[in-house]
Amino acid sequence: MSRAELPSPNDLPQVDPALFDRPTGDRFAGAGTSTHAPRFLLLYGSLRERSYSKLLTLEAARLLQAMGGEVRIFDPDGLPLPDAVPDSHPKVQELRDAAAWAEGMVWTSPERHGAMTGIMKAQIDWIPLSIGAVRPTQGKTLAVMEVSGGSQSFNAVNQMRLLGRWMRMITIPNQSSVAKAFLEFDAAGRMKPSAYCERLVDVMEELVKFTLLTRDVAPYLVDRYSERRETADELSKRVNQRLI
């Protein structure tokens, strides 16, 4: 198509000009201005006494703290199944408060039957897509990791990426999948030096960088024309519909 055939950018009768936004670089001028430590919530998907997803999470926590981050790890033990209890349950409130506090998250699940575990999914399901007109996870960064007992797989991390998109999170490009995890940790529960360990460092480093880059401008990054057309009450009604 030649330049003469291009449609006019001013011919948008279906768009409300008062709400239309033309993104510009100066809207990102505030990026990197926060001075507090970046805040990360880490979730893992197993209740086993020697849980490799927990051990990998603990290694991630050490790295994030060494890189200047503040970390909280949620213990899923005692978390009820979604919808089994009111959301006022103490474990649910603990999880939701931590999700609201965090600027980034790490989700680490074992792969079971070719998927993330039910415990992992339950934690994510208890974090609401919206509370009123506020989305607790929107614009926050996310790193996904998995452990498996056999050969390397990416089923769990792929599933968690889909969930991260659904939760409107900024899921970083890098990820970690640790195969035969029972061989990768010593008797004390520390990760042995390996390519898997180096990948873990890479993933946490990338997560911190993306969080520092986006946390101050996240509201602008996820601002949407369609939602600017809605009032807060209308948005709340749409995203908080009861299950049919």
Protein backbone atom coordinates (compact mmCIF):
# COMPACT_ATOMS: atom_id res chain seq x y z
CA MET A 1 0.00 0.00 0.00
CA SER A 2 1.44 3.38 -1.00
CA ARG A 3 1.58 6.32 1.39
CA ALA A 4 -1.22 8.01 -0.55
CA GLU A 5 -3.49 5.02 0.18
CA LEU A 6 -2.93 4.99 3.95
CA PRO A 7 -6.09 5.76 5.95
CA SER A 8 -6.28 9.06 7.75
CA PRO A 9 -5.29 8.84 11.43
CA ASN A 10 -7.88 11.51 12.16
CA ASP A 11 -10.75 9.41 10.87
CA LEU A 12 -11.72 7.61 14.08
CA PRO A 13 -15.41 8.35 14.61
CA GLN A 14 -15.86 5.35 16.93
CA VAL A 15 -13.18 6.59 19.37
CA ASP A 16 -13.82 9.13 22.11
CA PRO A 17 -11.13 11.80 21.56
CA ALA A 18 -11.36 12.95 25.18
CA LEU A 19 -10.22 9.50 26.37
CA PHE A 20 -7.85 8.58 23.54
CA ASP A 21 -4.17 8.56 24.53
CA ARG A 22 -1.14 8.95 22.29
CA PRO A 23 1.73 7.30 24.18
CA THR A 24 4.87 9.42 24.49
CA GLY A 25 8.25 8.82 26.06
CA ASP A 26 7.90 11.64 28.56
CA ARG A 27 5.20 9.65 30.36
CA PHE A 28 8.00 7.32 31.54
CA ALA A 29 10.03 10.10 33.14
CA GLY A 30 9.22 8.79 36.61
CA ALA A 31 10.73 5.36 36.01
CA GLY A 32 13.35 4.47 38.57
CA THR A 33 12.53 7.27 41.01
CA SER A 34 11.46 5.06 43.95
CA THR A 35 14.20 4.68 46.52
CA HIS A 36 12.82 1.83 48.67
CA ALA A 37 13.97 -1.75 48.10
CA PRO A 38 11.96 -3.58 45.41
CA ARG A 39 9.41 -5.87 47.10
CA PHE A 40 8.93 -9.49 46.05
CA LEU A 41 6.42 -12.17 47.05
CA LEU A 42 7.53 -15.76 46.47
CA LEU A 43 5.06 -18.64 46.14
CA TYR A 44 5.89 -22.35 45.92
CA GLY A 45 3.66 -25.31 45.14
CA SER A 46 4.38 -28.23 47.47
CA LEU A 47 3.74 -29.26 51.08
CA ARG A 48 6.36 -32.02 51.19
CA GLU A 49 8.84 -31.94 54.07
CA ARG A 50 11.70 -31.84 51.55
CA SER A 51 10.08 -29.75 48.87
CA TYR A 52 12.34 -28.94 45.93
CA SER A 53 10.09 -26.10 44.81
CA LYS A 54 10.53 -24.62 48.30
CA LEU A 55 14.30 -25.17 48.23
CA LEU A 56 14.49 -23.44 44.85
CA THR A 57 12.34 -20.63 46.24
CA LEU A 58 14.69 -20.21 49.20
CA GLU A 59 17.66 -19.93 46.82
CA ALA A 60 15.73 -17.32 44.82
CA ALA A 61 15.01 -15.40 48.04
CA ARG A 62 18.70 -15.32 48.95
CA LEU A 63 19.58 -13.96 45.52
CA LEU A 64 16.85 -11.31 45.53
CA GLN A 65 17.96 -10.08 48.95
CA ALA A 66 21.60 -10.03 47.82
CA MET A 67 20.48 -7.90 44.85
CA GLY A 68 18.85 -5.37 47.18
CA GLY A 69 15.29 -6.68 47.28
CA GLU A 70 12.89 -7.17 50.18
CA VAL A 71 11.32 -10.63 50.20
CA ARG A 72 8.31 -12.40 51.66
CA ILE A 73 7.73 -16.14 51.19
CA PHE A 74 4.17 -17.39 51.59
CA ASP A 75 3.78 -20.78 53.29
CA PRO A 76 0.81 -22.54 51.61
CA ASP A 77 0.34 -24.99 54.49
CA GLY A 78 -3.17 -24.46 55.88
CA LEU A 79 -4.48 -22.49 52.89
CA PRO A 80 -8.02 -23.76 52.16
CA LEU A 81 -9.24 -24.59 48.68
CA PRO A 82 -10.70 -21.63 46.79
CA ASP A 83 -14.39 -21.03 47.63
CA ALA A 84 -14.27 -23.55 50.51
CA VAL A 85 -14.17 -20.76 53.10
CA PRO A 86 -14.91 -17.03 53.12
CA ASP A 87 -12.08 -14.81 51.91
CA SER A 88 -11.82 -13.48 55.47
CA HIS A 89 -9.91 -16.68 56.39
CA PRO A 90 -6.56 -15.69 58.01
CA LYS A 91 -4.40 -17.56 55.46
CA VAL A 92 -6.29 -16.00 52.57
CA GLN A 93 -5.89 -12.54 54.05
CA GLU A 94 -2.18 -13.18 54.65
CA LEU A 95 -1.74 -14.12 50.99
CA ARG A 96 -3.77 -11.18 49.70
CA ASP A 97 -1.98 -8.68 51.91
CA ALA A 98 1.37 -9.97 50.68
CA ALA A 99 0.22 -9.77 47.05
CA ALA A 100 -0.89 -6.16 47.55
CA TRP A 101 2.46 -5.33 49.21
CA ALA A 102 4.61 -6.87 46.48
CA GLU A 103 5.91 -5.11 43.36
CA GLY A 104 7.01 -8.39 41.79
CA MET A 105 6.46 -12.10 42.32
CA VAL A 106 8.15 -15.46 41.80
CA TRP A 107 5.95 -18.53 41.23
CA THR A 108 7.70 -21.90 41.58
CA SER A 109 5.80 -25.14 41.07
CA PRO A 110 6.64 -28.81 40.75
CA GLU A 111 5.33 -30.39 37.57
CA ARG A 112 2.76 -33.05 38.40
CA HIS A 113 0.89 -35.00 35.72
CA GLY A 114 2.20 -32.54 33.15
CA ALA A 115 0.92 -29.45 34.95
CA MET A 116 1.44 -27.17 37.93
CA THR A 117 0.26 -28.55 41.26
CA GLY A 118 -3.16 -27.94 42.72
CA ILE A 119 -1.56 -26.15 45.67
CA MET A 120 0.14 -23.73 43.30
CA LYS A 121 -3.07 -23.05 41.42
CA ALA A 122 -5.02 -22.59 44.65
CA GLN A 123 -2.67 -19.82 45.77
CA ILE A 124 -3.04 -18.01 42.47
CA ASP A 125 -6.81 -18.48 42.50
CA TRP A 126 -7.07 -16.91 45.96
CA ILE A 127 -5.40 -13.74 44.67
CA PRO A 128 -8.37 -11.89 43.19
CA LEU A 129 -8.30 -10.43 39.71
CA SER A 130 -9.95 -7.38 41.21
CA ILE A 131 -10.97 -5.96 44.57
CA GLY A 132 -13.56 -3.35 43.75
CA ALA A 133 -12.00 -1.45 40.87
CA VAL A 134 -8.42 -2.21 42.00
CA ARG A 135 -6.45 -5.05 40.41
CA PRO A 136 -3.91 -6.33 42.98
CA THR A 137 -1.53 -7.91 40.45
CA GLN A 138 -1.90 -5.55 37.50
CA GLY A 139 1.41 -4.17 36.25
CA LYS A 140 3.54 -6.15 38.71
CA THR A 141 6.46 -8.22 37.49
CA LEU A 142 6.53 -12.01 37.55
CA ALA A 143 9.15 -14.74 37.19
CA VAL A 144 8.08 -18.36 36.75
CA MET A 145 10.06 -21.48 37.65
CA GLU A 146 9.44 -25.21 37.94
CA VAL A 147 11.09 -28.36 39.25
CA SER A 148 10.54 -31.88 37.96
CA GLY A 149 11.56 -35.36 38.97
CA GLY A 150 12.35 -36.49 35.46
CA SER A 151 13.61 -34.93 32.26
CA GLN A 152 13.32 -31.23 31.67
CA SER A 153 9.86 -29.94 30.87
CA PHE A 154 8.18 -26.56 30.51
CA ASN A 155 4.52 -27.44 31.03
CA ALA A 156 4.22 -25.80 34.45
CA VAL A 157 6.07 -22.61 33.52
CA ASN A 158 4.00 -22.31 30.35
CA GLN A 159 0.80 -22.62 32.36
CA MET A 160 1.96 -20.03 34.87
CA ARG A 161 2.83 -17.66 32.03
CA LEU A 162 -0.77 -17.89 30.85
CA LEU A 163 -1.99 -17.14 34.36
CA GLY A 164 0.42 -14.23 34.68
CA ARG A 165 -0.99 -12.71 31.50
CA TRP A 166 -4.52 -13.26 32.78
CA MET A 167 -3.56 -11.51 36.03
CA ARG A 168 -2.17 -8.64 33.91
CA MET A 169 1.35 -9.11 35.18
CA ILE A 170 4.58 -8.30 33.35
CA THR A 171 6.08 -11.78 33.05
CA ILE A 172 9.80 -11.55 32.32
CA PRO A 173 11.21 -13.40 29.27
CA ASN A 174 13.61 -15.64 31.22
CA GLN A 175 12.49 -18.64 33.27
CA SER A 176 13.90 -21.65 35.10
CA SER A 177 13.06 -25.35 34.74
CA VAL A 178 15.14 -27.66 36.94
CA ALA A 179 15.09 -31.30 35.79
CA LYS A 180 15.78 -34.19 38.19
CA ALA A 181 15.66 -31.72 41.03
CA PHE A 182 16.53 -34.42 43.58
CA LEU A 183 20.07 -34.38 42.14
CA GLU A 184 20.48 -30.59 42.25
CA PHE A 185 20.36 -29.98 46.01
CA ASP A 186 22.73 -31.19 48.71
CA ALA A 187 21.80 -32.77 52.04
CA ALA A 188 21.54 -29.32 53.63
CA GLY A 189 19.05 -28.23 50.99
CA ARG A 190 21.39 -25.88 49.14
CA MET A 191 21.52 -25.83 45.36
CA LYS A 192 24.69 -27.32 43.91
CA PRO A 193 26.78 -25.34 41.38
CA SER A 194 25.41 -26.11 37.92
CA ALA A 195 23.95 -24.61 34.77
CA TYR A 196 20.58 -24.71 36.54
CA CYS A 197 21.98 -22.61 39.37
CA GLU A 198 23.43 -20.12 36.91
CA ARG A 199 20.06 -19.87 35.18
CA LEU A 200 18.43 -19.13 38.53
CA VAL A 201 20.83 -16.21 39.04
CA ASP A 202 19.99 -14.96 35.54
CA VAL A 203 16.24 -15.12 36.20
CA MET A 204 16.42 -13.26 39.51
CA GLU A 205 18.73 -10.63 38.05
CA GLU A 206 16.30 -10.06 35.18
CA LEU A 207 13.34 -9.89 37.55
CA VAL A 208 14.99 -7.19 39.65
CA LYS A 209 15.89 -5.18 36.55
CA PHE A 210 12.37 -5.35 35.10
CA THR A 211 10.89 -4.44 38.49
CA LEU A 212 13.12 -1.39 38.89
CA LEU A 213 12.31 -0.36 35.33
CA THR A 214 8.53 -0.70 35.51
CA ARG A 215 7.30 -0.31 39.10
CA ASP A 216 7.03 3.50 39.01
CA VAL A 217 5.23 3.57 35.67
CA ALA A 218 3.14 0.39 35.99
CA PRO A 219 -0.17 2.30 36.28
CA TYR A 220 0.52 3.98 32.94
CA LEU A 221 1.74 0.76 31.28
CA VAL A 222 -1.52 -1.05 32.03
CA ASP A 223 -3.88 1.91 31.57
CA ARG A 224 -6.52 1.02 28.94
CA TYR A 225 -8.78 3.10 26.75
CA SER A 226 -11.74 0.74 27.21
CA GLU A 227 -11.49 0.97 30.98
CA ARG A 228 -11.15 4.74 30.98
CA ARG A 229 -14.63 4.71 29.45
CA GLU A 230 -16.01 2.83 32.43
CA THR A 231 -16.77 4.23 35.84
CA ALA A 232 -15.26 2.50 38.85
CA ASP A 233 -18.66 1.02 39.73
CA GLU A 234 -19.15 -0.38 36.23
CA LEU A 235 -15.66 -1.88 36.21
CA SER A 236 -16.21 -3.48 39.60
CA LYS A 237 -19.47 -5.06 38.46
CA ARG A 238 -17.89 -6.45 35.29
CA VAL A 239 -14.80 -8.05 36.83
CA ASN A 240 -16.42 -9.28 40.04
CA GLN A 241 -19.27 -11.30 38.56
CA ARG A 242 -20.28 -14.29 40.65
CA LEU A 243 -19.66 -17.72 39.17
CA ILE A 244 -22.62 -18.92 37.14
